[in-house]
C-alpha cells in the first residue's frame, strides 16, 4: 500500500495496523532513531569537561551551549514541523530530520570556537525537532489504545539507550583521540539509518487504530488544537510536571560526567563506562518496566499511568541525594542505579497521557506544543540554571578560602595541569575543590524539584479519565 492509499484508507477500526511482526519492526526502528537522537543530543554532556577546559568556559556558558542553544530552535521549529506532520507524509519528515541532525552533529567536531559549536548545536536542534511529534502520531495509528503505553515505552527507551551509547563510545573515543573525533564518529551513521527508515517504513492511515467511538480524523488548525486542549487540565498538568522532570534530568545528565571527573577524579573513559553506561541501562529498564506495569495494571487501576511515575519520582529524591553526597564511588553507583530506574519511569507516561487526551488529527501538534514547553523549560533552562548555580556556589567556596583575594571563577578555569603551572599546586587545588563542590551542591539542591513533579503526576489522576479520548483499558 502506498502512502497516498494509506492516507485515504479506513480509520477508527480499533485494531492494530499491519502484522505484529511489522509493527515490531516499526516501533524498533523508531526507537533506534530516537536512540540516535539522544546520542547526538547527549554526547556534548559526555565530553563536557574537555570542552570546558579547551575553551575555558564557565559552567553557565556550557549550560547555554549544551542546553539553551540547542533547545531554543528545537522548540521553535517543533510546532511548524508538527503542523506539516498533520498533513504530509510523516515517514519522509522523520527521515529528513534524522539526516539533518546527524550532519550537524558531525560538523560539531570541526568547530573552532565556542560560537561555531553553538551554531552547529542549534542546527542539531532544528533537525531533532522533526522526530518525536511525527513518531508519536505514527505510533498511535499502528497501535490501539490498550497497547500504546508499552509501544511508547519502547520508543522512549531510545532516550536512555542513547545516553548509554553516547557514553560507551563517546568516552573512549574522546580519551583515545579527542572530543572532536567523538562527534564525527557518532554523527555520520545517522544519515544511513535515516535512509533505511525512509525506504522500509509505511505511512499508516490516520486514526486507524482508534476505536469507533473516538473522534473521526478531520483537518484542524493550530488554533483549533489549542482550543481543544485548553479544556483538558490533564494535558497542562502533565506538561508542567514533565517540564520540571526534564529541568532536573537534563541539568543532571549534562553535568554528570563532569561531576564524577571533578568530585571523584575519574577519567572521562572511566566515568563513561563505569558510571554513565550502567545508569543509562538502569534508566532504560525503568522506562520499559513502568510501561509494562502500566499496561498490565491499567485494567484494574485506570490511573496507574499517572500515579505510578509520580510515586517513583518522589522516592528517587533521597537516593539521588545519597549518591551525590557520598565519597564512595561504588555506593554512589548503587544508589544512583536505583534512582535512575525510578526517575525515568515517567518517560512513557508523559507521552501516553499527552497523545491520549488529544484527538487523532491533532496529536502531532499536541505533542509539539507539549515538547515546546517541556524542552524550553527542561532542556533550555535545566543545564543553564545548573551551571549558574554551580558557578555561584563555586565562587562562594572561593570567597571562603585562604586565597579569596586572588582567585575567581574565571581564573580557576582550564586544564588541571595548566592551573598547576600558572597558579601553583596550592591555589590550583583550591580551584579544583571549589569547582567540584559547587557542582555537587548545585545537583543536590536542584534534584529536590522531583518532589513537586511527582506530586503533580499524582494530582493528574483527578482529571485523567474525563480528558482521555480513548480509554487505556
Protein backbone atom coordinates (compact mmCIF):
# COMPACT_ATOMS: atom_id res chain seq x y z
CA UNK A 1 0.00 0.00 0.00
CA UNK A 2 1.38 3.40 -0.93
CA UNK A 3 1.45 6.39 1.40
CA UNK A 4 -1.35 8.01 -0.64
CA UNK A 5 -3.53 4.92 -0.45
CA UNK A 6 -2.85 4.60 3.28
CA UNK A 7 -3.90 8.17 3.89
CA UNK A 8 -7.34 7.51 2.41
CA UNK A 9 -7.93 4.09 3.98
CA UNK A 10 -10.49 3.21 6.62
CA UNK A 11 -9.99 4.71 10.08
CA UNK A 12 -11.23 4.12 13.62
CA UNK A 13 -11.15 0.34 13.43
CA UNK A 14 -9.93 -0.17 16.99
CA UNK A 15 -7.44 -2.69 15.60
CA UNK A 16 -3.68 -2.66 15.27
CA UNK A 17 -2.35 -1.72 11.83
CA UNK A 18 -0.44 -4.35 9.81
CA UNK A 19 1.02 -7.57 11.21
CA UNK A 20 2.55 -7.94 14.64
CA UNK A 21 6.00 -8.52 13.17
CA UNK A 22 5.84 -5.40 11.02
CA UNK A 23 4.57 -3.29 13.93
CA UNK A 24 7.50 -4.52 15.97
CA UNK A 25 9.83 -3.50 13.15
CA UNK A 26 8.29 -0.03 13.04
CA UNK A 27 8.47 0.57 16.80
CA UNK A 28 12.05 -0.78 16.99
CA UNK A 29 13.02 1.43 14.04
CA UNK A 30 11.55 4.48 15.73
CA UNK A 31 13.32 3.54 18.96
CA UNK A 32 16.64 3.29 17.10
CA UNK A 33 16.12 6.72 15.56
CA UNK A 34 15.24 8.13 18.98
CA UNK A 35 18.42 6.46 20.26
CA UNK A 36 20.44 8.27 17.59
CA UNK A 37 18.56 11.45 18.52
CA UNK A 38 19.78 11.21 22.08
CA UNK A 39 23.27 10.03 21.22
CA UNK A 40 23.75 13.24 19.29
CA UNK A 41 21.96 15.29 21.93
CA UNK A 42 23.74 13.84 24.98
CA UNK A 43 27.23 13.46 23.54
CA UNK A 44 28.08 17.05 24.43
CA UNK A 45 27.49 16.21 28.10
CA UNK A 46 29.85 13.24 27.85
CA UNK A 47 32.65 15.47 26.56
CA UNK A 48 31.71 18.40 28.78
CA UNK A 49 34.93 18.73 30.77
CA UNK A 50 37.31 18.66 27.77
CA UNK A 51 35.20 21.33 26.01
CA UNK A 52 35.03 23.48 29.17
CA UNK A 53 38.78 23.19 29.61
CA UNK A 54 39.69 23.81 25.94
CA UNK A 55 37.53 26.92 25.57
CA UNK A 56 37.91 27.93 29.26
CA UNK A 57 34.16 28.17 29.74
CA UNK A 58 32.23 29.00 32.88
CA UNK A 59 29.67 26.32 33.80
CA UNK A 60 26.84 28.67 32.80
CA UNK A 61 28.39 29.04 29.34
CA UNK A 62 28.49 25.29 28.94
CA UNK A 63 24.88 25.17 30.15
CA UNK A 64 24.00 27.65 27.41
CA UNK A 65 25.85 25.57 24.85
CA UNK A 66 24.51 22.18 25.88
CA UNK A 67 21.00 23.29 26.81
CA UNK A 68 19.52 26.59 25.72
CA UNK A 69 21.43 26.85 22.43
CA UNK A 70 20.02 23.50 21.38
CA UNK A 71 16.57 23.83 22.92
CA UNK A 72 15.65 27.23 21.51
CA UNK A 73 15.47 26.16 17.87
CA UNK A 74 14.31 22.68 18.85
CA UNK A 75 11.24 24.16 20.47
CA UNK A 76 10.67 26.94 17.93
CA UNK A 77 10.81 24.55 14.97
CA UNK A 78 8.85 21.77 16.66
CA UNK A 79 5.39 23.26 16.10
CA UNK A 80 5.67 24.18 12.40
CA UNK A 81 7.23 20.78 11.62
CA UNK A 82 4.42 19.10 13.57
CA UNK A 83 1.87 21.04 11.53
CA UNK A 84 3.49 19.60 8.41
CA UNK A 85 3.23 16.16 10.00
CA UNK A 86 -0.54 16.59 10.35
CA UNK A 87 -0.86 16.97 6.56
CA UNK A 88 2.19 15.41 4.92
CA UNK A 89 3.97 12.08 4.89
CA UNK A 90 5.35 11.58 8.40
CA UNK A 91 7.90 8.95 7.38
CA UNK A 92 9.57 11.38 4.98
CA UNK A 93 9.61 14.13 7.60
CA UNK A 94 11.29 11.84 10.10
CA UNK A 95 13.90 10.63 7.61
CA UNK A 96 14.82 14.19 6.57
CA UNK A 97 15.10 15.23 10.21
CA UNK A 98 17.44 12.34 11.06
CA UNK A 99 19.76 13.13 8.16
CA UNK A 100 19.90 16.85 9.06
CA UNK A 101 20.69 16.45 12.74
CA UNK A 102 23.29 13.75 12.01
CA UNK A 103 25.17 16.01 9.60
CA UNK A 104 25.09 18.91 12.07
CA UNK A 105 26.41 16.66 14.84
CA UNK A 106 29.36 15.69 12.66
CA UNK A 107 30.05 19.38 11.99
CA UNK A 108 30.34 19.98 15.76
CA UNK A 109 33.58 18.02 15.53
CA UNK A 110 35.21 20.68 13.36
CA UNK A 111 34.07 23.71 15.39
CA UNK A 112 36.99 26.02 16.08
CA UNK A 113 35.34 28.24 18.66
CA UNK A 114 32.58 28.41 21.25
CA UNK A 115 30.40 30.38 18.80
CA UNK A 116 30.84 27.89 15.95
CA UNK A 117 29.98 25.00 18.25
CA UNK A 118 26.90 26.88 19.43
CA UNK A 119 25.75 27.41 15.81
CA UNK A 120 26.13 23.72 14.96
CA UNK A 121 24.27 22.76 18.14
CA UNK A 122 21.42 24.99 17.02
CA UNK A 123 21.42 23.04 13.75
CA UNK A 124 21.18 19.77 15.66
CA UNK A 125 18.15 21.19 17.48
CA UNK A 126 16.41 22.11 14.24
CA UNK A 127 16.86 18.58 12.90
CA UNK A 128 15.80 16.79 16.06
CA UNK A 129 12.57 18.83 16.26
CA UNK A 130 11.08 16.72 13.46
CA UNK A 131 11.17 13.29 15.09
CA UNK A 132 9.03 12.97 18.20
CA UNK A 133 5.75 14.68 17.16
CA UNK A 134 5.58 12.68 13.92
CA UNK A 135 6.71 9.47 15.66
CA UNK A 136 4.02 9.74 18.35
CA UNK A 137 1.40 10.30 15.66
CA UNK A 138 2.57 7.23 13.73
CA UNK A 139 2.63 5.06 16.87
CA UNK A 140 -0.96 5.97 17.72
CA UNK A 141 -2.03 4.83 14.23
CA UNK A 142 -0.19 1.50 14.38
CA UNK A 143 -1.18 0.55 17.94
CA UNK A 144 -4.65 0.62 19.58
CA UNK A 145 -5.06 2.42 22.96
CA UNK A 146 -4.55 -0.71 25.06
CA UNK A 147 -1.09 -1.26 23.54
CA UNK A 148 0.18 2.30 23.31
CA UNK A 149 1.71 2.56 26.78
CA UNK A 150 4.06 -0.32 26.05
CA UNK A 151 4.77 0.85 22.48
CA UNK A 152 5.58 4.36 23.62
CA UNK A 153 7.67 2.97 26.49
CA UNK A 154 9.71 1.02 23.92
CA UNK A 155 10.09 4.16 21.80
CA UNK A 156 11.20 6.25 24.76
CA UNK A 157 13.84 3.68 25.65
CA UNK A 158 15.79 5.49 22.94
CA UNK A 159 16.31 8.34 25.40
CA UNK A 160 18.23 6.22 27.85
CA UNK A 161 19.81 3.88 25.29
CA UNK A 162 21.10 6.96 23.51
CA UNK A 163 22.75 8.03 26.74
CA UNK A 164 24.30 4.58 27.15
CA UNK A 165 25.78 4.53 23.66
CA UNK A 166 26.89 8.16 23.77
CA UNK A 167 28.91 7.32 26.87
CA UNK A 168 30.05 3.85 25.77
CA UNK A 169 31.54 5.19 22.55
CA UNK A 170 31.97 8.91 23.20
CA UNK A 171 34.05 8.49 26.36
CA UNK A 172 36.63 6.04 24.99
CA UNK A 173 36.86 7.83 21.60
CA UNK A 174 37.49 11.12 23.39
CA UNK A 175 40.16 9.57 25.56
CA UNK A 176 41.88 7.85 22.62
CA UNK A 177 41.64 10.81 20.25
CA UNK A 178 39.67 13.92 21.25
CA UNK A 179 36.12 15.16 21.70
CA UNK A 180 36.12 16.23 18.04
CA UNK A 181 36.52 12.69 16.74
CA UNK A 182 33.68 11.60 19.04
CA UNK A 183 31.26 13.99 17.29
CA UNK A 184 32.38 12.84 13.86
CA UNK A 185 32.20 9.13 14.65
CA UNK A 186 28.76 9.26 16.26
CA UNK A 187 27.15 11.77 13.88
CA UNK A 188 27.72 10.22 10.46
CA UNK A 189 25.87 6.84 10.94
CA UNK A 190 22.55 8.66 11.36
CA UNK A 191 22.48 9.50 7.65
CA UNK A 192 22.41 5.80 6.77
CA UNK A 193 19.70 4.96 9.32
CA UNK A 194 17.56 7.83 8.09
CA UNK A 195 17.65 6.47 4.52
CA UNK A 196 16.82 2.93 5.68
CA UNK A 197 13.80 4.20 7.58
CA UNK A 198 12.60 6.19 4.56
CA UNK A 199 12.52 3.15 2.27
CA UNK A 200 11.27 0.47 4.68
CA UNK A 201 8.52 2.02 6.86
CA UNK A 202 4.96 2.56 5.61
CA UNK A 203 2.87 5.64 6.37
CA UNK A 204 -0.26 4.38 8.26
CA UNK A 205 -3.82 5.74 7.84
CA UNK A 206 -4.50 8.47 10.41
CA UNK A 207 -6.69 7.30 13.27
CA UNK A 208 -6.67 3.68 12.05
CA UNK A 209 -6.08 2.09 15.49
CA UNK A 210 -8.50 4.32 17.40
CA UNK A 211 -11.79 2.72 18.46
CA UNK A 212 -15.01 3.54 16.54
CA UNK A 213 -16.18 5.70 19.45
CA UNK A 214 -13.16 8.00 19.15
CA UNK A 215 -13.32 11.29 17.25
CA UNK A 216 -13.01 10.82 13.49
CA UNK A 217 -9.95 12.44 11.92
CA UNK A 218 -10.51 15.85 10.33
CA UNK A 219 -8.34 18.80 9.49
CA UNK A 220 -7.60 21.13 12.38
CA UNK A 221 -5.65 24.36 12.59
CA UNK A 222 -3.26 25.10 15.43
CA UNK A 223 -5.86 27.38 17.00
CA UNK A 224 -8.36 24.51 16.94
CA UNK A 225 -5.84 22.22 18.60
CA UNK A 226 -5.14 24.74 21.37
CA UNK A 227 -8.87 25.26 21.85
CA UNK A 228 -9.42 21.51 22.16
CA UNK A 229 -6.60 21.13 24.68
CA UNK A 230 -7.46 24.24 26.69
CA UNK A 231 -10.40 22.44 28.27
CA UNK A 232 -8.24 19.47 29.29
CA UNK A 233 -6.48 20.16 32.57
CA UNK A 234 -4.71 16.83 32.35
CA UNK A 235 -2.69 17.97 29.35
CA UNK A 236 -1.38 21.09 31.06
CA UNK A 237 -0.57 19.49 34.42
CA UNK A 238 1.23 16.65 32.64
CA UNK A 239 3.16 19.20 30.60
CA UNK A 240 4.29 21.23 33.63
CA UNK A 241 5.23 18.09 35.59
CA UNK A 242 7.22 16.71 32.64
CA UNK A 243 8.93 20.10 32.20
CA UNK A 244 10.07 20.04 35.84
CA UNK A 245 11.38 16.49 35.50
CA UNK A 246 13.22 17.45 32.31
CA UNK A 247 14.61 20.57 34.00
CA UNK A 248 16.27 18.40 36.63
CA UNK A 249 17.08 15.47 34.36
CA UNK A 250 18.82 17.45 31.65
CA UNK A 251 20.64 19.55 34.21
CA UNK A 252 21.98 16.43 35.91
CA UNK A 253 22.76 14.49 32.73
CA UNK A 254 24.65 17.33 31.06
CA UNK A 255 26.97 17.69 34.07
CA UNK A 256 27.01 14.08 35.28
CA UNK A 257 30.29 13.06 33.66
CA UNK A 258 31.92 16.35 34.71
CA UNK A 259 30.67 15.74 38.28
CA UNK A 260 32.48 12.41 38.60
CA UNK A 261 35.58 13.82 36.93
CA UNK A 262 35.72 16.76 39.34
CA UNK A 263 34.48 15.17 42.59
CA UNK A 264 35.89 11.65 42.29
CA UNK A 265 38.85 12.45 39.99
CA UNK A 266 37.90 9.77 37.46
CA UNK A 267 38.93 9.86 33.80
CA UNK A 268 36.30 10.53 31.14
CA UNK A 269 36.50 6.93 29.94
CA UNK A 270 36.15 5.57 33.49
CA UNK A 271 33.08 7.71 34.15
CA UNK A 272 31.51 6.85 30.81
CA UNK A 273 31.94 3.09 31.09
CA UNK A 274 31.74 2.51 34.84
CA UNK A 275 29.09 5.08 35.78
CA UNK A 276 27.17 6.53 32.84
CA UNK A 277 26.60 3.31 30.89
CA UNK A 278 25.18 1.36 33.89
CA UNK A 279 22.99 4.35 34.79
CA UNK A 280 21.71 4.54 31.23
CA UNK A 281 20.85 0.85 31.23
CA UNK A 282 19.04 1.25 34.56
CA UNK A 283 17.09 4.19 33.14
CA UNK A 284 16.12 2.13 30.07
CA UNK A 285 14.95 -0.69 32.30
CA UNK A 286 12.94 1.77 34.40
CA UNK A 287 11.22 3.23 31.32
CA UNK A 288 10.32 -0.20 29.94
CA UNK A 289 9.34 -1.67 33.30
CA UNK A 290 6.98 1.20 34.07
CA UNK A 291 5.35 0.91 30.64
CA UNK A 292 4.93 -2.85 31.10
CA UNK A 293 3.46 -2.45 34.58
CA UNK A 294 1.13 0.28 33.34
CA UNK A 295 -0.26 -1.94 30.60
CA UNK A 296 -0.72 -4.89 32.98
CA UNK A 297 -2.32 -2.82 35.74
CA UNK A 298 -4.43 -0.36 33.70
CA UNK A 299 -7.46 -2.67 33.66
CA UNK A 300 -7.65 -2.69 37.44
CA UNK A 301 -6.13 0.74 38.10
CA UNK A 302 -7.13 3.10 35.23
CA UNK A 303 -4.98 5.96 36.59
CA UNK A 304 -1.81 3.91 37.04
CA UNK A 305 -0.18 5.69 34.08
CA UNK A 306 -0.11 8.86 36.20
CA UNK A 307 0.27 7.84 39.84
CA UNK A 308 2.95 5.16 39.34
CA UNK A 309 5.60 7.53 37.86
CA UNK A 310 4.57 10.16 40.40
CA UNK A 311 5.36 7.89 43.33
CA UNK A 312 8.60 6.77 41.69
CA UNK A 313 9.80 10.35 41.23
CA UNK A 314 9.24 11.16 44.90
CA UNK A 315 11.11 8.05 46.05
CA UNK A 316 14.13 8.73 43.85
CA UNK A 317 14.99 12.08 45.50
CA UNK A 318 16.67 10.76 48.68
CA UNK A 319 18.52 8.20 46.56
CA UNK A 320 19.97 10.97 44.38
CA UNK A 321 20.95 12.92 47.50
CA UNK A 322 22.85 9.91 48.85
CA UNK A 323 24.58 9.37 45.51
CA UNK A 324 25.75 12.98 45.23
CA UNK A 325 26.94 13.37 48.83
CA UNK A 326 28.88 10.15 49.34
CA UNK A 327 32.62 9.97 48.73
CA UNK A 328 32.37 6.27 47.86
CA UNK A 329 32.08 5.62 44.12
CA UNK A 330 30.66 2.06 44.49
CA UNK A 331 27.99 3.27 46.93
CA UNK A 332 27.20 6.26 44.72
CA UNK A 333 26.74 3.97 41.73
CA UNK A 334 24.47 1.60 43.68
CA UNK A 335 22.03 4.25 44.88
CA UNK A 336 22.13 6.16 41.60
CA UNK A 337 21.20 2.96 39.73
CA UNK A 338 18.06 2.71 41.87
CA UNK A 339 17.35 6.41 41.45
CA UNK A 340 17.69 6.27 37.65
CA UNK A 341 15.36 3.26 37.43
CA UNK A 342 12.67 5.18 39.32
CA UNK A 343 13.33 8.58 37.74
CA UNK A 344 12.94 7.52 34.10
CA UNK A 345 9.70 5.63 34.60
CA UNK A 346 7.85 8.82 33.71
CA UNK A 347 9.05 8.87 30.08
CA UNK A 348 6.36 6.68 28.58
CA UNK A 349 3.70 8.20 30.84
CA UNK A 350 4.27 11.76 29.64
CA UNK A 351 3.68 10.81 26.01
CA UNK A 352 0.89 8.34 26.72
CA UNK A 353 -1.05 11.00 28.60
CA UNK A 354 -0.21 13.72 26.09
CA UNK A 355 -1.42 11.93 22.99
CA UNK A 356 -4.16 10.11 24.92
CA UNK A 357 -6.07 13.33 25.60
CA UNK A 358 -5.68 14.65 22.02
CA UNK A 359 -7.87 13.67 19.07
CA UNK A 360 -6.16 11.80 16.18
CA UNK A 361 -5.99 14.84 13.89
CA UNK A 362 -4.24 16.97 16.49
CA UNK A 363 -1.82 14.53 18.11
CA UNK A 364 1.36 15.61 16.33
CA UNK A 365 0.60 19.26 17.14
CA UNK A 366 -0.34 18.41 20.73
CA UNK A 367 2.97 16.60 21.18
CA UNK A 368 4.82 19.54 19.58
CA UNK A 369 3.13 22.02 21.95
CA UNK A 370 3.96 19.70 24.81
CA UNK A 371 7.59 19.45 23.74
CA UNK A 372 7.79 23.19 23.16
CA UNK A 373 7.25 23.88 26.86
CA UNK A 374 8.99 20.77 28.19
CA UNK A 375 12.16 21.36 26.21
CA UNK A 376 12.21 25.13 26.60
CA UNK A 377 11.95 24.81 30.39
CA UNK A 378 13.68 21.46 30.75
CA UNK A 379 16.45 21.31 28.19
CA UNK A 380 16.70 25.05 27.63
CA UNK A 381 16.86 26.13 31.26
CA UNK A 382 17.90 22.99 33.19
CA UNK A 383 21.60 22.86 32.19
CA UNK A 384 21.82 26.65 32.15
CA UNK A 385 20.44 27.02 35.69
CA UNK A 386 22.54 24.09 36.89
CA UNK A 387 25.62 25.85 35.51
CA UNK A 388 24.66 29.22 37.03
CA UNK A 389 24.07 27.71 40.47
CA UNK A 390 27.31 25.73 40.18
CA UNK A 391 29.27 28.90 39.35
CA UNK A 392 27.65 30.82 42.22
CA UNK A 393 28.46 28.07 44.72
CA UNK A 394 31.97 27.74 43.33
CA UNK A 395 32.56 31.48 43.78
CA UNK A 396 31.15 31.27 47.31
CA UNK A 397 33.61 28.48 48.08
CA UNK A 398 36.49 30.53 46.66
CA UNK A 399 35.40 33.55 48.70
CA UNK A 400 35.72 31.49 51.86
CA UNK A 401 39.16 30.13 51.00
CA UNK A 402 42.56 31.43 52.08
CA UNK A 403 43.11 32.74 48.53
CA UNK A 404 39.84 34.68 48.36
CA UNK A 405 41.55 37.89 47.27
CA UNK A 406 43.39 36.21 44.40
CA UNK A 407 41.10 33.59 42.90
CA UNK A 408 37.94 34.00 40.82
CA UNK A 409 35.81 31.57 38.87
CA UNK A 410 37.34 32.71 35.60
CA UNK A 411 40.91 32.40 36.85
CA UNK A 412 40.15 28.87 38.02
CA UNK A 413 39.02 27.62 34.59
CA UNK A 414 41.31 25.48 32.45
CA UNK A 415 43.04 22.11 32.40
CA UNK A 416 44.32 20.96 35.83
CA UNK A 417 47.91 20.78 34.62
CA UNK A 418 47.68 24.31 33.25
CA UNK A 419 46.27 25.60 36.55
CA UNK A 420 49.11 24.00 38.49
CA UNK A 421 51.66 25.52 36.11
CA UNK A 422 50.21 29.05 36.31
CA UNK A 423 48.84 29.22 39.88
CA UNK A 424 50.89 26.69 41.81
CA UNK A 425 49.73 23.48 43.43
CA UNK A 426 48.01 25.05 46.46
CA UNK A 427 45.89 27.55 44.56
CA UNK A 428 45.14 25.06 41.80
CA UNK A 429 43.91 22.62 44.46
CA UNK A 430 41.57 25.23 45.90
CA UNK A 431 40.25 25.96 42.39
CA UNK A 432 39.53 22.31 41.63
CA UNK A 433 37.90 21.71 45.03
CA UNK A 434 35.68 24.77 44.60
CA UNK A 435 34.68 23.64 41.11
CA UNK A 436 33.82 20.15 42.37
CA UNK A 437 31.85 21.28 45.42
CA UNK A 438 29.97 23.96 43.50
CA UNK A 439 28.72 21.39 41.02
CA UNK A 440 27.98 18.80 43.72
CA UNK A 441 25.70 21.09 45.73
CA UNK A 442 24.07 22.51 42.65
CA UNK A 443 22.93 18.99 41.74
CA UNK A 444 21.81 18.25 45.30
CA UNK A 445 19.63 21.36 45.52
CA UNK A 446 18.03 21.08 42.09
CA UNK A 447 17.13 17.39 42.27
CA UNK A 448 14.66 18.22 45.07
CA UNK A 449 12.31 19.58 42.38
CA UNK A 450 11.31 15.96 41.72
CA UNK A 451 9.13 16.16 44.84
CA UNK A 452 6.94 18.76 43.14
CA UNK A 453 6.83 16.94 39.80
CA UNK A 454 5.88 13.65 41.45
CA UNK A 455 3.06 15.31 43.35
CA UNK A 456 1.72 16.81 40.12
CA UNK A 457 1.59 13.41 38.40
CA UNK A 458 -0.41 12.04 41.31
CA UNK A 459 -2.74 15.05 41.07
CA UNK A 460 -3.34 14.31 37.36
CA UNK A 461 -5.42 11.30 38.43
CA UNK A 462 -8.30 13.66 39.30
CA UNK A 463 -8.94 14.61 35.67
CA UNK A 464 -7.29 11.89 33.60
CA UNK A 465 -10.28 9.66 32.86
CA UNK A 466 -12.50 12.61 31.97
CA UNK A 467 -9.97 14.01 29.49
CA UNK A 468 -8.89 10.81 27.69
CA UNK A 469 -10.10 10.45 24.10
CA UNK A 470 -9.77 6.65 24.23
CA UNK A 471 -9.60 4.72 27.50
CA UNK A 472 -6.45 2.68 28.04
CA UNK A 473 -8.43 -0.27 29.37
